[in-house]
């Protein structure tokens, strides 16, 4: 059964954390519009997938796994950045894990919209 409230809440938090992620990424230097859009959409996708997922597991593990998996495409793009590519790659994955955890925390624990 589809839990519409769960999908909406998780997606909204995905957008919020996408904006936070973009803000953090652009704190040292401005980002071009397509990079900002990519960052926001990537985190929004994490929220949406968390919302639609019906996997039965602990909420925190669920957020961590989805956050890591759906951060991989953006992280792989960072390998083409000259200089600290590996550092940026790992930071992107770690931040995806953190955002996935936080999205699931707010959705499941705070708003009590767990997987049914």
N, C-alpha and C. Protein backbone atom coordinates (compact mmCIF):
# COMPACT_ATOMS: atom_id res chain seq x y z
N UNK A 1 0.82 -1.17 0.00
CA UNK A 1 0.00 0.00 0.00
C UNK A 1 0.88 1.25 0.00
N UNK A 2 0.52 2.20 -0.81
CA UNK A 2 1.29 3.44 -0.94
C UNK A 2 0.92 4.40 0.20
N UNK A 3 1.95 4.90 0.87
CA UNK A 3 1.76 5.87 1.93
C UNK A 3 2.12 7.25 1.36
N UNK A 4 1.12 7.96 0.88
CA UNK A 4 1.33 9.25 0.22
C UNK A 4 1.99 10.26 1.14
N UNK A 5 1.60 10.28 2.42
CA UNK A 5 2.21 11.22 3.37
C UNK A 5 3.71 10.97 3.48
N UNK A 6 4.10 9.69 3.53
CA UNK A 6 5.52 9.33 3.62
C UNK A 6 6.29 9.84 2.41
N UNK A 7 5.71 9.64 1.24
CA UNK A 7 6.38 10.07 0.00
C UNK A 7 6.56 11.59 0.00
N UNK A 8 5.52 12.31 0.36
CA UNK A 8 5.57 13.78 0.35
C UNK A 8 6.57 14.30 1.38
N UNK A 9 6.51 13.78 2.60
CA UNK A 9 7.42 14.23 3.65
C UNK A 9 8.88 13.94 3.29
N UNK A 10 9.16 12.72 2.83
CA UNK A 10 10.53 12.36 2.48
C UNK A 10 11.03 13.19 1.30
N UNK A 11 10.19 13.44 0.32
CA UNK A 11 10.60 14.24 -0.84
C UNK A 11 10.86 15.69 -0.43
N UNK A 12 10.01 16.24 0.41
CA UNK A 12 10.22 17.62 0.89
C UNK A 12 11.55 17.72 1.64
N UNK A 13 11.84 16.76 2.49
CA UNK A 13 13.12 16.80 3.19
C UNK A 13 14.28 16.57 2.24
N UNK A 14 14.06 15.80 1.18
CA UNK A 14 15.09 15.67 0.15
C UNK A 14 15.40 17.00 -0.50
N UNK A 15 14.36 17.78 -0.81
CA UNK A 15 14.55 19.12 -1.39
C UNK A 15 15.28 20.02 -0.40
N UNK A 16 14.85 19.99 0.86
CA UNK A 16 15.49 20.84 1.88
C UNK A 16 16.97 20.51 2.01
N UNK A 17 17.29 19.22 2.11
CA UNK A 17 18.70 18.84 2.25
C UNK A 17 19.47 19.03 0.96
N UNK A 18 18.77 18.99 -0.18
CA UNK A 18 19.42 19.33 -1.45
C UNK A 18 19.86 20.78 -1.47
N UNK A 19 19.00 21.66 -0.98
CA UNK A 19 19.35 23.08 -0.91
C UNK A 19 20.49 23.31 0.08
N UNK A 20 20.44 22.61 1.22
CA UNK A 20 21.53 22.72 2.20
C UNK A 20 22.84 22.23 1.58
N UNK A 21 22.78 21.11 0.88
CA UNK A 21 23.98 20.55 0.24
C UNK A 21 24.53 21.52 -0.80
N UNK A 22 23.67 22.12 -1.59
CA UNK A 22 24.10 23.10 -2.59
C UNK A 22 24.74 24.31 -1.91
N UNK A 23 24.11 24.78 -0.83
CA UNK A 23 24.64 25.91 -0.09
C UNK A 23 26.04 25.59 0.45
N UNK A 24 26.20 24.39 1.00
CA UNK A 24 27.52 23.99 1.52
C UNK A 24 28.54 23.85 0.40
N UNK A 25 28.12 23.31 -0.73
CA UNK A 25 29.03 23.13 -1.86
C UNK A 25 29.46 24.47 -2.46
N UNK A 26 28.59 25.46 -2.39
CA UNK A 26 28.92 26.76 -2.99
C UNK A 26 29.49 27.74 -1.97
N UNK A 27 29.76 27.29 -0.76
CA UNK A 27 30.28 28.20 0.26
C UNK A 27 31.72 28.63 -0.03
N UNK A 28 32.49 27.79 -0.72
CA UNK A 28 33.87 28.16 -1.03
C UNK A 28 33.99 28.85 -2.38
N UNK A 29 33.11 28.51 -3.30
CA UNK A 29 33.11 29.13 -4.63
C UNK A 29 31.72 28.96 -5.23
N UNK A 30 31.27 29.91 -6.03
CA UNK A 30 29.93 29.78 -6.63
C UNK A 30 29.86 28.56 -7.56
N UNK A 31 28.70 27.95 -7.60
CA UNK A 31 28.50 26.81 -8.49
C UNK A 31 27.69 27.25 -9.70
N UNK A 32 27.95 26.60 -10.82
CA UNK A 32 27.18 26.89 -12.02
C UNK A 32 25.78 26.30 -11.86
N UNK A 33 24.82 26.82 -12.60
CA UNK A 33 23.41 26.46 -12.41
C UNK A 33 23.16 24.97 -12.57
N UNK A 34 23.81 24.33 -13.55
CA UNK A 34 23.52 22.91 -13.77
C UNK A 34 24.10 22.03 -12.66
N UNK A 35 25.17 22.49 -12.03
CA UNK A 35 25.72 21.75 -10.90
C UNK A 35 24.81 21.91 -9.68
N UNK A 36 24.29 23.12 -9.48
CA UNK A 36 23.35 23.36 -8.38
C UNK A 36 22.10 22.51 -8.57
N UNK A 37 21.58 22.48 -9.78
CA UNK A 37 20.40 21.68 -10.09
C UNK A 37 20.67 20.20 -9.87
N UNK A 38 21.85 19.73 -10.26
CA UNK A 38 22.23 18.33 -10.08
C UNK A 38 22.28 17.97 -8.60
N UNK A 39 22.85 18.85 -7.79
CA UNK A 39 22.95 18.59 -6.35
C UNK A 39 21.56 18.52 -5.73
N UNK A 40 20.72 19.49 -6.02
CA UNK A 40 19.38 19.53 -5.44
C UNK A 40 18.55 18.33 -5.89
N UNK A 41 18.60 18.00 -7.18
CA UNK A 41 17.83 16.85 -7.69
C UNK A 41 18.33 15.53 -7.13
N UNK A 42 19.65 15.41 -6.94
CA UNK A 42 20.20 14.18 -6.38
C UNK A 42 19.67 13.92 -4.98
N UNK A 43 19.66 14.94 -4.15
CA UNK A 43 19.16 14.79 -2.78
C UNK A 43 17.65 14.64 -2.75
N UNK A 44 16.95 15.30 -3.68
CA UNK A 44 15.50 15.13 -3.78
C UNK A 44 15.17 13.70 -4.18
N UNK A 45 15.96 13.13 -5.07
CA UNK A 45 15.75 11.74 -5.48
C UNK A 45 15.94 10.79 -4.31
N UNK A 46 16.92 11.06 -3.46
CA UNK A 46 17.11 10.24 -2.27
C UNK A 46 15.84 10.27 -1.42
N UNK A 47 15.29 11.47 -1.20
CA UNK A 47 14.06 11.59 -0.42
C UNK A 47 12.90 10.86 -1.05
N UNK A 48 12.73 11.01 -2.37
CA UNK A 48 11.62 10.35 -3.06
C UNK A 48 11.74 8.83 -2.97
N UNK A 49 12.94 8.31 -3.19
CA UNK A 49 13.13 6.85 -3.13
C UNK A 49 12.91 6.33 -1.72
N UNK A 50 13.37 7.07 -0.73
CA UNK A 50 13.08 6.67 0.65
C UNK A 50 11.57 6.63 0.87
N UNK A 51 10.87 7.61 0.33
CA UNK A 51 9.42 7.66 0.49
C UNK A 51 8.68 6.52 -0.18
N UNK A 52 9.13 6.09 -1.36
CA UNK A 52 8.41 5.03 -2.08
C UNK A 52 8.89 3.63 -1.74
N UNK A 53 10.05 3.53 -1.10
CA UNK A 53 10.61 2.22 -0.79
C UNK A 53 9.75 1.46 0.23
N UNK A 54 9.59 0.19 0.00
CA UNK A 54 8.83 -0.66 0.93
C UNK A 54 9.74 -1.74 1.54
N UNK A 55 11.04 -1.52 1.49
CA UNK A 55 11.97 -2.47 2.09
C UNK A 55 11.78 -2.52 3.59
N UNK A 56 11.70 -3.71 4.13
CA UNK A 56 11.51 -3.89 5.58
C UNK A 56 12.88 -4.04 6.24
N UNK A 57 13.34 -2.97 6.85
CA UNK A 57 14.59 -2.98 7.61
C UNK A 57 14.55 -1.83 8.59
N UNK A 58 15.53 -1.76 9.43
CA UNK A 58 15.62 -0.67 10.39
C UNK A 58 15.64 0.66 9.64
N UNK A 59 14.96 1.68 10.15
CA UNK A 59 14.84 2.95 9.45
C UNK A 59 16.19 3.59 9.19
N UNK A 60 17.10 3.52 10.15
CA UNK A 60 18.40 4.17 10.00
C UNK A 60 19.24 3.49 8.92
N UNK A 61 19.17 2.16 8.85
CA UNK A 61 19.91 1.42 7.83
C UNK A 61 19.32 1.69 6.45
N UNK A 62 18.01 1.78 6.39
CA UNK A 62 17.30 2.08 5.15
C UNK A 62 17.78 3.41 4.58
N UNK A 63 17.83 4.45 5.42
CA UNK A 63 18.29 5.76 4.98
C UNK A 63 19.75 5.76 4.54
N UNK A 64 20.58 5.05 5.28
CA UNK A 64 22.01 4.98 4.95
C UNK A 64 22.23 4.30 3.60
N UNK A 65 21.57 3.17 3.38
CA UNK A 65 21.75 2.42 2.13
C UNK A 65 21.27 3.23 0.93
N UNK A 66 20.07 3.78 1.02
CA UNK A 66 19.54 4.55 -0.11
C UNK A 66 20.37 5.82 -0.32
N UNK A 67 20.77 6.48 0.75
CA UNK A 67 21.62 7.66 0.62
C UNK A 67 22.93 7.36 -0.09
N UNK A 68 23.55 6.24 0.25
CA UNK A 68 24.82 5.86 -0.39
C UNK A 68 24.61 5.48 -1.85
N UNK A 69 23.62 4.65 -2.11
CA UNK A 69 23.38 4.19 -3.49
C UNK A 69 23.04 5.34 -4.44
N UNK A 70 22.19 6.25 -4.00
CA UNK A 70 21.75 7.31 -4.89
C UNK A 70 22.69 8.51 -4.89
N UNK A 71 23.78 8.44 -4.12
CA UNK A 71 24.83 9.45 -4.21
C UNK A 71 25.92 9.02 -5.18
N UNK A 72 25.94 7.75 -5.52
CA UNK A 72 26.99 7.24 -6.42
C UNK A 72 27.05 7.94 -7.77
N UNK A 73 25.94 8.16 -8.48
CA UNK A 73 26.07 8.83 -9.79
C UNK A 73 26.72 10.21 -9.69
N UNK A 74 26.31 11.01 -8.71
CA UNK A 74 26.92 12.33 -8.56
C UNK A 74 28.37 12.20 -8.12
N UNK A 75 28.67 11.23 -7.26
CA UNK A 75 30.04 11.03 -6.79
C UNK A 75 30.96 10.60 -7.93
N UNK A 76 30.47 9.76 -8.83
CA UNK A 76 31.30 9.33 -9.95
C UNK A 76 31.67 10.50 -10.86
N UNK A 77 30.77 11.47 -10.99
CA UNK A 77 31.08 12.66 -11.79
C UNK A 77 32.21 13.48 -11.18
N UNK A 78 32.37 13.41 -9.88
CA UNK A 78 33.42 14.20 -9.24
C UNK A 78 34.82 13.66 -9.53
N UNK A 79 34.91 12.43 -10.00
CA UNK A 79 36.22 11.86 -10.31
C UNK A 79 36.88 12.56 -11.49
N UNK A 80 36.12 13.35 -12.23
CA UNK A 80 36.67 14.08 -13.36
C UNK A 80 37.18 15.47 -12.98
N UNK A 81 37.03 15.82 -11.71
CA UNK A 81 37.51 17.12 -11.23
C UNK A 81 39.00 16.98 -10.93
N UNK A 82 39.83 17.83 -11.52
CA UNK A 82 41.26 17.72 -11.24
C UNK A 82 41.57 18.09 -9.78
N UNK A 83 42.58 17.46 -9.25
CA UNK A 83 43.00 17.78 -7.88
C UNK A 83 42.55 16.72 -6.89
N UNK A 84 41.65 17.10 -6.00
CA UNK A 84 41.22 16.25 -4.89
C UNK A 84 40.03 15.38 -5.26
N UNK A 85 40.07 14.69 -6.38
CA UNK A 85 38.92 13.94 -6.88
C UNK A 85 38.48 12.86 -5.90
N UNK A 86 39.40 12.11 -5.34
CA UNK A 86 39.05 11.02 -4.44
C UNK A 86 38.41 11.57 -3.16
N UNK A 87 38.96 12.66 -2.66
CA UNK A 87 38.40 13.30 -1.46
C UNK A 87 36.97 13.76 -1.72
N UNK A 88 36.74 14.41 -2.85
CA UNK A 88 35.40 14.90 -3.19
C UNK A 88 34.45 13.72 -3.43
N UNK A 89 34.94 12.67 -4.07
CA UNK A 89 34.14 11.46 -4.29
C UNK A 89 33.65 10.89 -2.96
N UNK A 90 34.59 10.69 -2.02
CA UNK A 90 34.23 10.12 -0.71
C UNK A 90 33.33 11.07 0.08
N UNK A 91 33.59 12.36 0.00
CA UNK A 91 32.75 13.33 0.72
C UNK A 91 31.33 13.32 0.18
N UNK A 92 31.17 13.15 -1.13
CA UNK A 92 29.83 13.10 -1.72
C UNK A 92 29.07 11.88 -1.23
N UNK A 93 29.73 10.73 -1.15
CA UNK A 93 29.09 9.51 -0.66
C UNK A 93 28.73 9.66 0.83
N UNK A 94 29.67 10.16 1.61
CA UNK A 94 29.43 10.32 3.05
C UNK A 94 28.28 11.29 3.30
N UNK A 95 28.25 12.40 2.57
CA UNK A 95 27.15 13.35 2.74
C UNK A 95 25.83 12.74 2.30
N UNK A 96 25.84 11.91 1.27
CA UNK A 96 24.62 11.20 0.85
C UNK A 96 24.12 10.27 1.95
N UNK A 97 25.04 9.60 2.61
CA UNK A 97 24.68 8.73 3.73
C UNK A 97 24.05 9.55 4.86
N UNK A 98 24.67 10.69 5.16
CA UNK A 98 24.15 11.55 6.23
C UNK A 98 22.77 12.08 5.87
N UNK A 99 22.61 12.57 4.64
CA UNK A 99 21.30 13.11 4.22
C UNK A 99 20.25 12.01 4.18
N UNK A 100 20.61 10.82 3.70
CA UNK A 100 19.66 9.70 3.69
C UNK A 100 19.22 9.35 5.11
N UNK A 101 20.17 9.31 6.03
CA UNK A 101 19.85 9.05 7.43
C UNK A 101 18.91 10.12 7.98
N UNK A 102 19.22 11.39 7.73
CA UNK A 102 18.40 12.48 8.25
C UNK A 102 17.00 12.51 7.64
N UNK A 103 16.91 12.25 6.34
CA UNK A 103 15.60 12.20 5.70
C UNK A 103 14.75 11.11 6.33
N UNK A 104 15.34 9.94 6.50
CA UNK A 104 14.62 8.82 7.11
C UNK A 104 14.29 9.12 8.57
N UNK A 105 15.18 9.77 9.29
CA UNK A 105 14.93 10.14 10.69
C UNK A 105 13.71 11.04 10.80
N UNK A 106 13.67 12.10 10.01
CA UNK A 106 12.53 13.01 10.07
C UNK A 106 11.25 12.34 9.59
N UNK A 107 11.35 11.54 8.53
CA UNK A 107 10.15 10.90 7.98
C UNK A 107 9.58 9.85 8.93
N UNK A 108 10.43 8.96 9.43
CA UNK A 108 9.98 7.82 10.22
C UNK A 108 9.82 8.12 11.70
N UNK A 109 10.80 8.80 12.28
CA UNK A 109 10.80 9.02 13.72
C UNK A 109 10.00 10.27 14.10
N UNK A 110 10.31 11.39 13.47
CA UNK A 110 9.67 12.65 13.86
C UNK A 110 8.23 12.71 13.37
N UNK A 111 7.99 12.39 12.09
CA UNK A 111 6.64 12.47 11.54
C UNK A 111 5.89 11.15 11.58
N UNK A 112 6.52 10.10 12.11
CA UNK A 112 5.91 8.78 12.33
C UNK A 112 5.23 8.23 11.06
N UNK A 113 5.98 8.29 9.94
CA UNK A 113 5.50 7.76 8.67
C UNK A 113 6.40 6.63 8.20
N UNK A 114 6.47 5.58 9.00
CA UNK A 114 7.32 4.44 8.68
C UNK A 114 6.76 3.59 7.58
N UNK A 115 7.57 2.63 7.13
CA UNK A 115 7.13 1.68 6.10
C UNK A 115 6.08 0.76 6.71
N UNK A 116 4.95 0.60 6.03
CA UNK A 116 3.87 -0.24 6.56
C UNK A 116 3.75 -1.52 5.80
